[in-house]
Structures are given as C-alpha cells and as structure tokens.
Amino acid sequence: MPSRFSSMAISCASSCLVQNLARLCEPLRESLLVTPYSPPEAYPHVSVKSHLLSLLPETSISEQDTRALIRQFALFCAALASASNTTSRHLSWVSDSLSLQAISTLKEFARVCCDDDDYFRGNCSIKVGDLELDFSGIVESEAKFVIKVIPDVFPLLKDEIKKSSIDADDENGRNSSASAGVPLAFAVLAASQFRWLATKVDAPWIGNLIPFLIPCALTALDHWSPQVKDQGMMALIHLAKKSKASDFGGYTDVILDACCRNIVCDDEIWPFSVEMSVLLVTLTQERNPRSQWYAVLFSVDAIR
C-alpha cells in the first residue's frame, strides 16, 4: 500500500507540474507569436521561430512525459535567454524584453519545481557516472533546476551541433559534411542554449558536471562556424573560472589538446580563444610550471 500511495503522490505532483508549465508558457507563446521574424536567405524554409514554438506544450495537455516537457521548456527558455549575449543573425531577432521574459518564466517554474513541489523536492540528485550528486544544498532554485535538466539536454545539444559539423573522411583524408544540407541555424541555436545553461551553474557544483559539459563544449569547439565555436569557448571560460584542477580528471589532456589544436576562423573570436586557453592551462597545470602544455600552447605552430 505505501508504494501505491507514493506512486499516486508522484502522479499528482507530475500533473501539477504540467499544469503550471502550461500556464506559465502561454504568455511566452503569445509574445513569441507577435515577434517579427525573417528566416535567413540561405535557408528560406528554415524557421528558428517555428522550431522554438514547437518546444512549448499545448494549452490543453493530456498525460505526457513530464520529464520531456520540462526538458523542452528548458531548451526553449535557454534559447531566448541566450539571445541577449550573441550577435548571431539566427537569434538577433529576439528582443531584450522577450529574453528577460523567458528568464523570468524559467525562474518562476524553477521555484514551482524546487520549492513548492514534493516531486522535485524529493529528487534533488543526479547520477554522474558512478557518483550520486546531491544538490539539495543549493539555495537558488534556478541553479537547482538547471543542474537537474543538464544530463538530459546536453547530450541532445551535442548531437544537434554535430549534425552540421565537418568530419574527417578516414578513407581519403578529406573533410566532408557530417550531414549534407543541415542548416547552420540549428547548430548556432544549440550552442547558444548550451552556453547559457552551462554558465548558470557555479562552483562547486559545475565541477561535478564536467562529464556532461566537456563533450558538448568540445563538439562546439570543433565546429567550422565561429558562431558555434565562440559559444563553446565562453562555456569553457566559465568552467575554468568556476572549477578546480582536480575536477577535470581524465579530461585534462583532452581539453588542453583541443585548445592547442583549435583553429580560430574569425578575428572576432580571438579574445575568447586566448582567454580560454590561458585559463585552462594555468588552472590544470598550476602545480607543474614546467608542464609541456605551456610550451605547446605558446609555440609558433599552436598560434593560428
């Protein structure tokens, strides 16, 4: 009997979450619908606005996967919120007021999830490999909410960025498109969402999220477009400022190698590249001033 009552409580909590989500999303939907938008000339049939609208739950929601609805809501808010710190034409149509509205809505829903709802209050932990991360001590509900959704959304964003990247062809050594015809807009959107969510988490929690953060950041860093690269760089800069050397573990050499091999394809992202590389090398090699990584990073061959 206790398990039955427990299941009923969780079901009720999920239903309340979904109802609150639908209520909070409706003003956002209305604001987005009246926002002017013109798709890029290169992809006239690609609409970022339509894609974002598809992430919002319907006004009348039947029984659906609560976790999936929350994941889509987080991605929606992250997309609009990130627009205030990007010059990409794919997000430049988002007004500052719409960005602020998305941030405010996410914060309100986070309070509902983490402060008022028994379902989330009893699940303040996530699995990071074999480690169970308890974040019940976090005061801010927004940070708690973001940490909760990161394991679900970062792998999705990584895959979205990868779709329009360039892969090496092992057979003939040439580069080829990972997926021909995939619009760049969605990679830019995914990278912006990733950067915004990553920078919402501070020390000491961000160090525990490195297994989710690094793969997505490296995928953005490897992308051919500076509009995607810079978002990965900004996320790594935040990580370097908010984590400890010990947090990186087996990722240390991988991330430093990526910094040294990174090709800066646009003058505007040079400052991000330099700051990212210097911060990561000095952080991870602070106990080894004679580390080879200093020589590799500042060698002539490493400067592009």
Protein backbone atom coordinates (compact mmCIF):
# COMPACT_ATOMS: atom_id res chain seq x y z
CA MET A 1 0.00 0.00 0.00
CA PRO A 2 2.72 2.60 0.77
CA SER A 3 4.20 2.16 -2.70
CA ARG A 4 0.76 2.68 -4.25
CA PHE A 5 0.24 5.90 -2.33
CA SER A 6 3.76 7.00 -3.25
CA SER A 7 3.03 6.43 -6.94
CA MET A 8 -0.22 8.36 -6.64
CA ALA A 9 1.61 11.27 -4.98
CA ILE A 10 4.21 11.37 -7.75
CA SER A 11 1.49 11.20 -10.41
CA CYS A 12 -0.37 14.07 -8.75
CA ALA A 13 2.82 16.09 -8.46
CA SER A 14 3.60 15.49 -12.13
CA SER A 15 0.12 16.61 -13.10
CA CYS A 16 0.51 19.82 -11.10
CA LEU A 17 3.88 20.49 -12.70
CA VAL A 18 2.45 20.08 -16.19
CA GLN A 19 -0.48 22.38 -15.40
CA ASN A 20 1.85 25.04 -14.04
CA LEU A 21 4.09 24.64 -17.05
CA ALA A 22 1.22 25.16 -19.48
CA ARG A 23 0.04 28.21 -17.54
CA LEU A 24 3.47 29.85 -17.49
CA CYS A 25 4.23 29.09 -21.13
CA GLU A 26 1.13 30.69 -22.58
CA PRO A 27 2.29 34.34 -22.17
CA LEU A 28 5.62 33.34 -23.71
CA ARG A 29 3.86 31.75 -26.65
CA GLU A 30 1.81 34.90 -27.23
CA SER A 31 4.90 37.13 -27.06
CA LEU A 32 6.82 34.91 -29.47
CA LEU A 33 3.96 34.74 -31.96
CA VAL A 34 3.86 38.54 -32.36
CA THR A 35 7.65 38.88 -32.60
CA PRO A 36 8.77 39.73 -36.18
CA TYR A 37 10.96 37.09 -37.77
CA SER A 38 12.53 36.57 -41.19
CA PRO A 39 14.42 33.34 -41.92
CA PRO A 40 17.97 33.63 -43.29
CA GLU A 41 18.20 33.97 -47.06
CA ALA A 42 20.38 30.88 -47.38
CA TYR A 43 17.67 28.74 -45.77
CA PRO A 44 14.30 30.37 -46.51
CA HIS A 45 12.43 27.24 -45.42
CA VAL A 46 14.20 27.02 -42.06
CA SER A 47 12.41 28.82 -39.24
CA VAL A 48 14.06 29.06 -35.84
CA LYS A 49 10.90 30.73 -34.56
CA SER A 50 8.71 27.78 -35.61
CA HIS A 51 11.20 25.38 -34.05
CA LEU A 52 11.05 27.24 -30.75
CA LEU A 53 7.26 27.31 -30.79
CA SER A 54 7.25 23.54 -31.24
CA LEU A 55 9.08 23.19 -27.91
CA LEU A 56 6.21 24.73 -25.95
CA PRO A 57 3.49 22.47 -24.53
CA GLU A 58 -0.01 22.76 -25.90
CA THR A 59 -2.55 24.76 -23.93
CA SER A 60 -4.52 21.59 -23.22
CA ILE A 61 -2.06 18.89 -22.21
CA SER A 62 -3.10 15.30 -21.83
CA GLU A 63 -0.95 12.76 -20.00
CA GLN A 64 2.52 13.21 -21.45
CA ASP A 65 6.08 12.56 -20.39
CA THR A 66 6.63 15.22 -17.72
CA ARG A 67 10.38 14.90 -17.99
CA ALA A 68 10.29 15.51 -21.75
CA LEU A 69 8.02 18.54 -21.36
CA ILE A 70 10.34 20.07 -18.76
CA ARG A 71 13.36 19.36 -20.97
CA GLN A 72 11.75 21.13 -23.93
CA PHE A 73 10.75 24.06 -21.75
CA ALA A 74 14.32 24.43 -20.50
CA LEU A 75 15.63 24.42 -24.08
CA PHE A 76 13.04 26.99 -25.12
CA CYS A 77 13.90 29.40 -22.32
CA ALA A 78 17.64 28.88 -22.81
CA ALA A 79 17.33 29.77 -26.50
CA LEU A 80 15.54 33.06 -25.85
CA ALA A 81 17.68 33.92 -22.83
CA SER A 82 20.92 33.32 -24.72
CA ALA A 83 19.96 35.79 -27.45
CA SER A 84 20.94 38.74 -25.27
CA ASN A 85 24.59 37.67 -25.41
CA THR A 86 25.05 36.71 -29.05
CA THR A 87 25.48 38.61 -32.30
CA SER A 88 24.29 35.76 -34.49
CA ARG A 89 21.62 36.73 -37.01
CA HIS A 90 19.85 33.48 -36.17
CA LEU A 91 18.95 34.91 -32.75
CA SER A 92 19.27 38.66 -33.29
CA TRP A 93 15.52 38.88 -33.93
CA VAL A 94 14.83 38.03 -30.27
CA SER A 95 14.22 41.26 -28.35
CA ASP A 96 15.72 42.01 -24.95
CA SER A 97 12.25 42.08 -23.44
CA LEU A 98 11.49 38.60 -24.78
CA SER A 99 14.79 37.30 -23.39
CA LEU A 100 14.02 38.75 -19.97
CA GLN A 101 10.51 37.29 -20.08
CA ALA A 102 11.95 33.83 -20.78
CA ILE A 103 14.43 34.14 -17.91
CA SER A 104 11.69 35.29 -15.54
CA THR A 105 9.42 32.42 -16.58
CA LEU A 106 12.16 29.84 -16.10
CA LYS A 107 12.91 31.21 -12.64
CA GLU A 108 9.23 31.07 -11.69
CA PHE A 109 8.85 27.49 -12.90
CA ALA A 110 12.08 26.54 -11.14
CA ARG A 111 10.60 27.82 -7.88
CA VAL A 112 7.50 25.74 -8.50
CA CYS A 113 9.62 22.65 -9.15
CA CYS A 114 12.22 23.00 -6.45
CA ASP A 115 10.47 24.87 -3.65
CA ASP A 116 6.78 24.08 -3.76
CA ASP A 117 6.54 20.65 -5.32
CA ASP A 118 7.14 17.44 -3.36
CA TYR A 119 8.05 15.58 -6.52
CA PHE A 120 11.15 17.66 -7.19
CA ARG A 121 11.98 18.32 -3.56
CA GLY A 122 12.43 14.59 -3.07
CA ASN A 123 14.61 14.15 -6.14
CA CYS A 124 17.42 16.66 -5.65
CA SER A 125 20.13 14.40 -7.02
CA ILE A 126 21.55 13.28 -10.34
CA LYS A 127 23.82 10.45 -11.44
CA VAL A 128 27.24 11.43 -12.81
CA GLY A 129 28.83 8.13 -13.75
CA ASP A 130 29.00 6.16 -10.52
CA LEU A 131 28.65 9.32 -8.45
CA GLU A 132 25.35 10.41 -6.96
CA LEU A 133 25.36 14.21 -6.82
CA ASP A 134 23.17 15.72 -4.11
CA PHE A 135 22.36 19.36 -4.81
CA SER A 136 19.74 19.87 -2.12
CA GLY A 137 22.09 22.40 -0.51
CA ILE A 138 21.77 24.84 -3.40
CA VAL A 139 19.74 27.85 -2.34
CA GLU A 140 18.80 29.27 -5.75
CA SER A 141 16.01 27.31 -7.38
CA GLU A 142 17.12 28.38 -10.88
CA ALA A 143 20.55 26.76 -10.45
CA LYS A 144 18.99 23.66 -8.94
CA PHE A 145 16.59 23.36 -11.86
CA VAL A 146 19.34 23.83 -14.47
CA ILE A 147 21.53 21.19 -12.81
CA LYS A 148 18.58 18.81 -12.83
CA VAL A 149 17.98 19.15 -16.59
CA ILE A 150 21.61 19.29 -17.79
CA PRO A 151 22.07 15.48 -18.01
CA ASP A 152 19.02 15.33 -20.27
CA VAL A 153 19.68 18.32 -22.52
CA PHE A 154 23.46 18.46 -23.04
CA PRO A 155 23.67 15.16 -25.00
CA LEU A 156 20.83 16.40 -27.24
CA LEU A 157 22.58 19.73 -27.85
CA LYS A 158 25.86 17.96 -28.59
CA ASP A 159 24.16 15.83 -31.25
CA GLU A 160 22.47 18.87 -32.78
CA ILE A 161 25.78 20.73 -33.08
CA LYS A 162 27.43 17.65 -34.56
CA LYS A 163 24.89 17.39 -37.39
CA SER A 164 26.31 20.37 -39.29
CA SER A 165 29.96 19.94 -38.32
CA ILE A 166 32.76 18.75 -40.61
CA ASP A 167 34.20 15.28 -40.13
CA ALA A 168 37.43 13.82 -41.41
CA ASP A 169 36.96 11.14 -44.06
CA ASP A 170 39.18 8.24 -42.98
CA GLU A 171 39.36 6.72 -46.45
CA ASN A 172 40.76 9.62 -48.45
CA GLY A 173 41.81 12.09 -45.77
CA ARG A 174 39.45 14.78 -46.99
CA ASN A 175 36.88 16.66 -44.96
CA SER A 176 33.21 16.11 -45.57
CA SER A 177 29.99 17.45 -44.15
CA ALA A 178 28.70 15.37 -41.27
CA SER A 179 25.22 15.74 -42.71
CA ALA A 180 24.79 17.46 -46.04
CA GLY A 181 22.20 20.21 -46.11
CA VAL A 182 21.80 20.55 -42.34
CA PRO A 183 21.08 24.23 -41.61
CA LEU A 184 23.70 26.05 -39.55
CA ALA A 185 20.94 27.86 -37.67
CA PHE A 186 20.15 24.85 -35.50
CA ALA A 187 23.81 24.35 -34.53
CA VAL A 188 24.07 28.02 -33.56
CA LEU A 189 20.86 27.69 -31.55
CA ALA A 190 22.08 24.54 -29.78
CA ALA A 191 25.47 26.07 -28.98
CA SER A 192 23.80 29.18 -27.57
CA GLN A 193 21.46 27.10 -25.43
CA PHE A 194 24.42 25.07 -24.18
CA ARG A 195 26.46 28.15 -23.27
CA TRP A 196 23.59 29.81 -21.42
CA LEU A 197 22.75 26.72 -19.36
CA ALA A 198 26.41 25.97 -18.58
CA THR A 199 27.02 29.48 -17.27
CA LYS A 200 24.08 29.23 -14.88
CA VAL A 201 25.98 26.74 -12.69
CA ASP A 202 28.71 27.94 -10.34
CA ALA A 203 31.24 26.34 -8.00
CA PRO A 204 31.34 23.81 -6.51
CA TRP A 205 28.60 22.10 -8.49
CA ILE A 206 29.90 22.76 -12.00
CA GLY A 207 32.97 20.60 -11.42
CA ASN A 208 30.75 17.57 -10.95
CA LEU A 209 29.01 18.25 -14.26
CA ILE A 210 32.21 18.10 -16.33
CA PRO A 211 31.32 14.67 -17.83
CA PHE A 212 28.24 16.32 -19.37
CA LEU A 213 29.79 19.69 -20.15
CA ILE A 214 33.14 18.81 -21.78
CA PRO A 215 31.84 16.59 -24.63
CA CYS A 216 29.35 19.24 -25.71
CA ALA A 217 31.92 22.04 -25.39
CA LEU A 218 34.47 20.13 -27.48
CA THR A 219 31.89 19.48 -30.18
CA ALA A 220 31.16 23.21 -30.36
CA LEU A 221 34.88 23.98 -30.40
CA ASP A 222 35.44 21.59 -33.31
CA HIS A 223 32.67 23.16 -35.40
CA TRP A 224 33.66 25.12 -38.51
CA SER A 225 31.42 28.13 -37.75
CA PRO A 226 32.70 30.91 -35.45
CA GLN A 227 29.09 31.42 -34.33
CA VAL A 228 29.22 27.95 -32.79
CA LYS A 229 32.86 28.00 -31.68
CA ASP A 230 32.52 31.15 -29.60
CA GLN A 231 29.67 29.68 -27.55
CA GLY A 232 31.80 26.65 -26.68
CA MET A 233 34.68 28.94 -25.76
CA MET A 234 32.52 31.05 -23.45
CA ALA A 235 31.26 27.93 -21.70
CA LEU A 236 34.82 26.69 -21.16
CA ILE A 237 35.93 30.10 -19.89
CA HIS A 238 33.16 29.94 -17.29
CA LEU A 239 34.16 26.39 -16.41
CA ALA A 240 37.81 27.39 -15.94
CA LYS A 241 36.82 30.24 -13.63
CA LYS A 242 34.43 28.19 -11.51
CA SER A 243 36.12 24.80 -11.15
CA LYS A 244 39.26 23.22 -9.67
CA ALA A 245 42.08 21.40 -11.46
CA SER A 246 41.09 18.17 -9.73
CA ASP A 247 37.61 18.38 -11.25
CA PHE A 248 38.93 17.68 -14.76
CA GLY A 249 40.39 14.26 -14.03
CA GLY A 250 40.89 12.32 -17.26
CA TYR A 251 39.59 15.22 -19.34
CA THR A 252 42.67 17.39 -18.71
CA ASP A 253 44.80 16.33 -21.67
CA VAL A 254 41.78 16.13 -23.96
CA ILE A 255 40.68 19.69 -23.27
CA LEU A 256 44.21 21.12 -23.46
CA ASP A 257 44.84 19.34 -26.75
CA ALA A 258 41.63 20.85 -28.10
CA CYS A 259 42.78 24.32 -27.04
CA CYS A 260 46.12 23.90 -28.82
CA ARG A 261 44.60 22.45 -31.98
CA ASN A 262 41.70 24.87 -32.11
CA ILE A 263 41.60 26.80 -35.38
CA VAL A 264 40.34 30.34 -34.86
CA CYS A 265 38.45 31.04 -38.06
CA ASP A 266 37.38 34.60 -37.29
CA ASP A 267 39.22 37.59 -35.80
CA GLU A 268 36.26 38.40 -33.55
CA ILE A 269 36.63 35.21 -31.52
CA TRP A 270 40.40 35.52 -30.94
CA PRO A 271 39.90 37.11 -27.48
CA PHE A 272 37.73 34.15 -26.42
CA SER A 273 40.28 31.66 -27.72
CA VAL A 274 43.19 33.30 -25.89
CA GLU A 275 41.32 33.69 -22.60
CA MET A 276 40.01 30.13 -22.72
CA SER A 277 43.42 28.60 -23.46
CA VAL A 278 45.34 30.62 -20.88
CA LEU A 279 42.77 29.98 -18.14
CA LEU A 280 42.60 26.24 -18.76
CA VAL A 281 46.36 25.72 -18.98
CA THR A 282 47.16 27.78 -15.89
CA LEU A 283 44.35 26.10 -13.94
CA THR A 284 45.09 22.49 -14.80
CA GLN A 285 48.90 22.87 -14.75
CA GLU A 286 49.18 25.16 -11.72
CA ARG A 287 51.23 22.56 -9.80
CA ASN A 288 53.52 21.87 -12.73
CA PRO A 289 55.09 25.12 -14.03
CA ARG A 290 57.35 23.12 -16.37
CA SER A 291 54.46 21.32 -17.99
CA GLN A 292 54.85 20.65 -21.71
CA TRP A 293 51.43 22.20 -22.25
CA TYR A 294 52.83 25.70 -21.70
CA ALA A 295 55.35 25.13 -24.49
CA VAL A 296 52.77 23.54 -26.78
CA LEU A 297 50.21 26.29 -26.26
CA PHE A 298 52.60 29.17 -26.84
CA SER A 299 54.62 27.58 -29.64
CA VAL A 300 54.56 29.13 -33.11
CA ASP A 301 52.72 26.12 -34.51
CA ALA A 302 49.94 26.49 -31.95
CA ILE A 303 49.20 30.08 -32.94
CA ARG A 304 46.85 30.24 -35.90
